[in-house]
């Protein structure tokens, strides 16, 4: 029984190590919110939950037609971006200012 416990502990610790190594790049990516004024449609699709190619392209088109976003809340002006979707993604997005600060 002792060998089984030891084997199980080794298995669990190695499994957790592998999982942490696999997920590490995602945690680094998530640590830096995406600037919606510079993001491409592909970046928006990759980062935002519930946003596919069409909605991401609509965000970029809105930005090109109306100028820079002043806040993340302005995404609600884009067709197809409602309050629920905006709130789900709020922590993943930012609006960087000219001096490098951000407004979430």
N, C-alpha and C. Protein backbone atom coordinates (compact mmCIF):
# COMPACT_ATOMS: atom_id res chain seq x y z
N UNK A 1 0.82 -1.20 0.00
CA UNK A 1 0.00 0.00 0.00
C UNK A 1 0.86 1.26 0.00
N UNK A 2 2.01 1.22 0.65
CA UNK A 2 2.89 2.37 0.71
C UNK A 2 3.44 2.73 -0.67
N UNK A 3 3.80 1.71 -1.45
CA UNK A 3 4.28 1.95 -2.81
C UNK A 3 3.19 2.57 -3.68
N UNK A 4 1.97 2.15 -3.49
CA UNK A 4 0.86 2.71 -4.25
C UNK A 4 0.65 4.18 -3.90
N UNK A 5 0.71 4.52 -2.62
CA UNK A 5 0.57 5.91 -2.19
C UNK A 5 1.69 6.77 -2.76
N UNK A 6 2.90 6.26 -2.71
CA UNK A 6 4.06 7.01 -3.22
C UNK A 6 3.91 7.20 -4.74
N UNK A 7 3.53 6.17 -5.44
CA UNK A 7 3.34 6.26 -6.88
C UNK A 7 2.25 7.27 -7.22
N UNK A 8 1.18 7.25 -6.47
CA UNK A 8 0.09 8.19 -6.70
C UNK A 8 0.55 9.62 -6.46
N UNK A 9 1.27 9.87 -5.38
CA UNK A 9 1.78 11.22 -5.08
C UNK A 9 2.71 11.72 -6.19
N UNK A 10 3.58 10.86 -6.67
CA UNK A 10 4.49 11.23 -7.75
C UNK A 10 3.69 11.56 -9.01
N UNK A 11 2.71 10.72 -9.30
CA UNK A 11 1.87 10.95 -10.48
C UNK A 11 1.16 12.30 -10.38
N UNK A 12 0.57 12.59 -9.24
CA UNK A 12 -0.16 13.85 -9.06
C UNK A 12 0.78 15.04 -9.16
N UNK A 13 1.93 14.98 -8.52
CA UNK A 13 2.86 16.11 -8.56
C UNK A 13 3.37 16.35 -9.97
N UNK A 14 3.68 15.30 -10.70
CA UNK A 14 4.15 15.46 -12.08
C UNK A 14 3.04 15.96 -13.00
N UNK A 15 1.83 15.50 -12.77
CA UNK A 15 0.70 15.97 -13.56
C UNK A 15 0.48 17.46 -13.33
N UNK A 16 0.54 17.89 -12.09
CA UNK A 16 0.38 19.32 -11.78
C UNK A 16 1.50 20.15 -12.39
N UNK A 17 2.70 19.63 -12.40
CA UNK A 17 3.82 20.33 -13.02
C UNK A 17 3.58 20.50 -14.52
N UNK A 18 3.16 19.45 -15.18
CA UNK A 18 2.90 19.53 -16.62
C UNK A 18 1.78 20.53 -16.90
N UNK A 19 0.72 20.48 -16.11
CA UNK A 19 -0.40 21.42 -16.30
C UNK A 19 0.07 22.85 -16.12
N UNK A 20 0.88 23.11 -15.10
CA UNK A 20 1.36 24.48 -14.87
C UNK A 20 2.25 24.95 -16.01
N UNK A 21 3.06 24.06 -16.57
CA UNK A 21 3.91 24.44 -17.71
C UNK A 21 3.09 24.71 -18.96
N UNK A 22 2.03 23.95 -19.15
CA UNK A 22 1.17 24.15 -20.32
C UNK A 22 0.39 25.45 -20.20
N UNK A 23 -0.10 25.75 -19.02
CA UNK A 23 -0.94 26.94 -18.83
C UNK A 23 -0.15 28.21 -18.60
N UNK A 24 1.12 28.13 -18.33
CA UNK A 24 1.94 29.32 -18.03
C UNK A 24 1.85 30.39 -19.11
N UNK A 25 1.97 30.05 -20.40
CA UNK A 25 1.88 31.10 -21.41
C UNK A 25 0.54 31.84 -21.40
N UNK A 26 -0.55 31.13 -21.09
CA UNK A 26 -1.86 31.77 -21.05
C UNK A 26 -1.97 32.73 -19.88
N UNK A 27 -1.38 32.39 -18.75
CA UNK A 27 -1.45 33.27 -17.60
C UNK A 27 -0.64 34.53 -17.85
N UNK A 28 0.47 34.43 -18.56
CA UNK A 28 1.25 35.61 -18.90
C UNK A 28 0.49 36.49 -19.87
N UNK A 29 -0.19 35.85 -20.82
CA UNK A 29 -0.96 36.60 -21.81
C UNK A 29 -2.12 37.31 -21.14
N UNK A 30 -2.78 36.65 -20.22
CA UNK A 30 -3.93 37.22 -19.55
C UNK A 30 -3.54 38.33 -18.58
N UNK A 31 -2.29 38.35 -18.14
CA UNK A 31 -1.85 39.35 -17.17
C UNK A 31 -1.80 40.74 -17.79
N UNK A 32 -1.65 40.83 -19.09
CA UNK A 32 -1.58 42.12 -19.77
C UNK A 32 -2.84 42.29 -20.61
N UNK A 33 -3.75 43.17 -20.19
CA UNK A 33 -4.98 43.37 -20.96
C UNK A 33 -4.68 43.87 -22.37
N UNK A 34 -5.52 43.51 -23.30
CA UNK A 34 -5.38 43.88 -24.70
C UNK A 34 -5.89 45.30 -24.92
N UNK A 35 -5.10 46.11 -25.59
CA UNK A 35 -5.50 47.49 -25.91
C UNK A 35 -6.45 47.46 -27.11
N UNK A 36 -7.67 47.85 -26.90
CA UNK A 36 -8.67 47.77 -27.97
C UNK A 36 -8.43 48.81 -29.07
N UNK A 37 -7.56 49.77 -28.84
CA UNK A 37 -7.25 50.76 -29.87
C UNK A 37 -6.15 50.32 -30.82
N UNK A 38 -5.43 49.28 -30.47
CA UNK A 38 -4.35 48.81 -31.34
C UNK A 38 -4.53 47.35 -31.75
N UNK A 39 -5.45 46.65 -31.13
CA UNK A 39 -5.64 45.22 -31.39
C UNK A 39 -6.18 44.97 -32.79
N UNK A 40 -5.70 43.90 -33.37
CA UNK A 40 -6.23 43.44 -34.66
C UNK A 40 -7.48 42.60 -34.40
N UNK A 41 -8.21 42.33 -35.46
CA UNK A 41 -9.40 41.47 -35.32
C UNK A 41 -8.99 40.09 -34.82
N UNK A 42 -7.87 39.57 -35.30
CA UNK A 42 -7.41 38.26 -34.85
C UNK A 42 -7.07 38.25 -33.37
N UNK A 43 -6.46 39.32 -32.88
CA UNK A 43 -6.14 39.41 -31.45
C UNK A 43 -7.41 39.50 -30.62
N UNK A 44 -8.37 40.28 -31.06
CA UNK A 44 -9.63 40.41 -30.33
C UNK A 44 -10.35 39.07 -30.27
N UNK A 45 -10.35 38.34 -31.37
CA UNK A 45 -10.99 37.03 -31.41
C UNK A 45 -10.31 36.06 -30.45
N UNK A 46 -8.98 36.11 -30.41
CA UNK A 46 -8.22 35.19 -29.56
C UNK A 46 -8.39 35.48 -28.08
N UNK A 47 -8.58 36.74 -27.72
CA UNK A 47 -8.62 37.12 -26.30
C UNK A 47 -10.03 37.18 -25.75
N UNK A 48 -10.96 37.69 -26.51
CA UNK A 48 -12.30 37.94 -25.99
C UNK A 48 -13.18 36.70 -26.05
N UNK A 49 -13.81 36.39 -24.94
CA UNK A 49 -14.75 35.29 -24.85
C UNK A 49 -16.06 35.69 -25.52
N UNK A 50 -16.54 34.85 -26.42
CA UNK A 50 -17.81 35.13 -27.09
C UNK A 50 -17.70 36.05 -28.28
N UNK A 51 -16.47 36.37 -28.70
CA UNK A 51 -16.26 37.24 -29.85
C UNK A 51 -15.57 36.44 -30.94
N UNK A 52 -16.29 36.28 -32.04
CA UNK A 52 -15.73 35.59 -33.19
C UNK A 52 -15.20 36.60 -34.19
N UNK A 53 -14.91 36.10 -35.37
CA UNK A 53 -14.31 36.94 -36.41
C UNK A 53 -15.19 38.12 -36.78
N UNK A 54 -16.48 37.90 -36.96
CA UNK A 54 -17.40 38.98 -37.38
C UNK A 54 -17.46 40.11 -36.36
N UNK A 55 -17.62 39.77 -35.08
CA UNK A 55 -17.69 40.81 -34.05
C UNK A 55 -16.36 41.52 -33.91
N UNK A 56 -15.26 40.78 -33.99
CA UNK A 56 -13.93 41.41 -33.89
C UNK A 56 -13.71 42.37 -35.05
N UNK A 57 -14.12 41.97 -36.24
CA UNK A 57 -14.00 42.86 -37.39
C UNK A 57 -14.90 44.09 -37.24
N UNK A 58 -16.06 43.91 -36.61
CA UNK A 58 -16.96 45.04 -36.35
C UNK A 58 -16.32 46.02 -35.37
N UNK A 59 -15.59 45.52 -34.38
CA UNK A 59 -14.90 46.39 -33.43
C UNK A 59 -13.84 47.22 -34.15
N UNK A 60 -13.05 46.57 -34.99
CA UNK A 60 -12.00 47.27 -35.74
C UNK A 60 -12.63 48.28 -36.70
N UNK A 61 -13.70 47.91 -37.38
CA UNK A 61 -14.37 48.82 -38.31
C UNK A 61 -14.94 50.03 -37.58
N UNK A 62 -15.53 49.80 -36.41
CA UNK A 62 -16.07 50.90 -35.62
C UNK A 62 -14.95 51.86 -35.23
N UNK A 63 -13.83 51.30 -34.80
CA UNK A 63 -12.67 52.12 -34.39
C UNK A 63 -12.15 52.94 -35.58
N UNK A 64 -12.09 52.32 -36.74
CA UNK A 64 -11.60 53.03 -37.93
C UNK A 64 -12.56 54.13 -38.36
N UNK A 65 -13.85 53.90 -38.19
CA UNK A 65 -14.86 54.89 -38.60
C UNK A 65 -15.04 56.01 -37.59
N UNK A 66 -14.86 55.71 -36.29
CA UNK A 66 -15.18 56.68 -35.24
C UNK A 66 -13.99 57.17 -34.43
N UNK A 67 -12.82 56.66 -34.70
CA UNK A 67 -11.63 57.07 -33.96
C UNK A 67 -11.41 56.21 -32.72
N UNK A 68 -10.42 56.57 -31.96
CA UNK A 68 -10.00 55.81 -30.78
C UNK A 68 -11.14 55.66 -29.77
N UNK A 69 -11.14 54.53 -29.10
CA UNK A 69 -12.03 54.33 -27.96
C UNK A 69 -11.48 55.12 -26.79
N UNK A 70 -12.33 55.78 -26.07
CA UNK A 70 -11.91 56.51 -24.87
C UNK A 70 -11.99 55.63 -23.63
N UNK A 71 -12.83 54.60 -23.69
CA UNK A 71 -12.95 53.66 -22.57
C UNK A 71 -13.43 52.32 -23.11
N UNK A 72 -13.23 51.29 -22.33
CA UNK A 72 -13.70 49.95 -22.71
C UNK A 72 -15.22 49.95 -22.84
N UNK A 73 -15.89 50.76 -22.04
CA UNK A 73 -17.36 50.83 -22.08
C UNK A 73 -17.89 51.22 -23.46
N UNK A 74 -17.10 51.94 -24.25
CA UNK A 74 -17.54 52.35 -25.58
C UNK A 74 -17.72 51.18 -26.53
N UNK A 75 -17.19 50.02 -26.17
CA UNK A 75 -17.41 48.84 -27.01
C UNK A 75 -18.89 48.53 -27.14
N UNK A 76 -19.69 48.96 -26.18
CA UNK A 76 -21.13 48.69 -26.24
C UNK A 76 -21.78 49.43 -27.41
N UNK A 77 -21.08 50.39 -28.01
CA UNK A 77 -21.59 51.09 -29.19
C UNK A 77 -21.44 50.25 -30.45
N UNK A 78 -20.66 49.19 -30.38
CA UNK A 78 -20.44 48.32 -31.53
C UNK A 78 -21.59 47.33 -31.61
N UNK A 79 -22.17 47.20 -32.80
CA UNK A 79 -23.29 46.27 -32.99
C UNK A 79 -22.84 44.86 -32.61
N UNK A 80 -23.63 44.21 -31.75
CA UNK A 80 -23.34 42.85 -31.32
C UNK A 80 -22.59 42.75 -30.01
N UNK A 81 -22.16 43.89 -29.47
CA UNK A 81 -21.46 43.89 -28.18
C UNK A 81 -22.42 44.47 -27.13
N UNK A 82 -22.98 43.59 -26.32
CA UNK A 82 -23.90 44.02 -25.28
C UNK A 82 -23.23 44.07 -23.92
N UNK A 83 -23.99 44.43 -22.93
CA UNK A 83 -23.49 44.56 -21.57
C UNK A 83 -22.93 43.27 -20.99
N UNK A 84 -23.60 42.16 -21.23
CA UNK A 84 -23.14 40.88 -20.69
C UNK A 84 -21.79 40.50 -21.29
N UNK A 85 -21.69 40.62 -22.60
CA UNK A 85 -20.43 40.30 -23.29
C UNK A 85 -19.31 41.24 -22.85
N UNK A 86 -19.64 42.50 -22.72
CA UNK A 86 -18.66 43.49 -22.27
C UNK A 86 -18.17 43.18 -20.87
N UNK A 87 -19.07 42.89 -19.96
CA UNK A 87 -18.68 42.58 -18.58
C UNK A 87 -17.86 41.30 -18.49
N UNK A 88 -18.17 40.32 -19.32
CA UNK A 88 -17.42 39.06 -19.33
C UNK A 88 -15.96 39.28 -19.73
N UNK A 89 -15.71 40.29 -20.56
CA UNK A 89 -14.38 40.52 -21.11
C UNK A 89 -13.67 41.74 -20.54
N UNK A 90 -14.31 42.47 -19.67
CA UNK A 90 -13.77 43.75 -19.18
C UNK A 90 -12.35 43.64 -18.65
N UNK A 91 -12.05 42.61 -17.87
CA UNK A 91 -10.72 42.47 -17.26
C UNK A 91 -9.64 42.11 -18.28
N UNK A 92 -10.04 41.70 -19.47
CA UNK A 92 -9.09 41.30 -20.50
C UNK A 92 -8.72 42.45 -21.42
N UNK A 93 -9.39 43.59 -21.26
CA UNK A 93 -9.25 44.70 -22.19
C UNK A 93 -8.83 45.98 -21.49
N UNK A 94 -8.22 46.85 -22.26
CA UNK A 94 -7.86 48.17 -21.75
C UNK A 94 -7.83 49.17 -22.90
N UNK A 95 -7.80 50.45 -22.54
CA UNK A 95 -7.59 51.53 -23.49
C UNK A 95 -6.33 52.24 -23.01
N UNK A 96 -5.25 52.06 -23.73
CA UNK A 96 -3.99 52.71 -23.35
C UNK A 96 -4.05 54.17 -23.75
N UNK A 97 -3.58 55.02 -22.88
CA UNK A 97 -3.54 56.46 -23.18
C UNK A 97 -2.22 56.79 -23.85
N UNK A 98 -2.10 58.01 -24.31
CA UNK A 98 -0.88 58.43 -25.01
C UNK A 98 0.37 58.34 -24.14
N UNK A 99 0.21 58.51 -22.82
CA UNK A 99 1.38 58.45 -21.93
C UNK A 99 1.67 57.03 -21.44
N UNK A 100 0.95 56.04 -21.99
CA UNK A 100 1.23 54.65 -21.65
C UNK A 100 0.39 54.09 -20.52
N UNK A 101 -0.36 54.95 -19.83
CA UNK A 101 -1.25 54.45 -18.78
C UNK A 101 -2.44 53.78 -19.45
N UNK A 102 -3.23 53.12 -18.65
CA UNK A 102 -4.41 52.46 -19.23
C UNK A 102 -5.65 52.81 -18.45
N UNK A 103 -6.75 52.76 -19.15
CA UNK A 103 -8.07 52.96 -18.56
C UNK A 103 -8.86 51.69 -18.84
N UNK A 104 -9.21 50.96 -17.79
CA UNK A 104 -9.96 49.70 -17.98
C UNK A 104 -11.44 49.97 -18.01
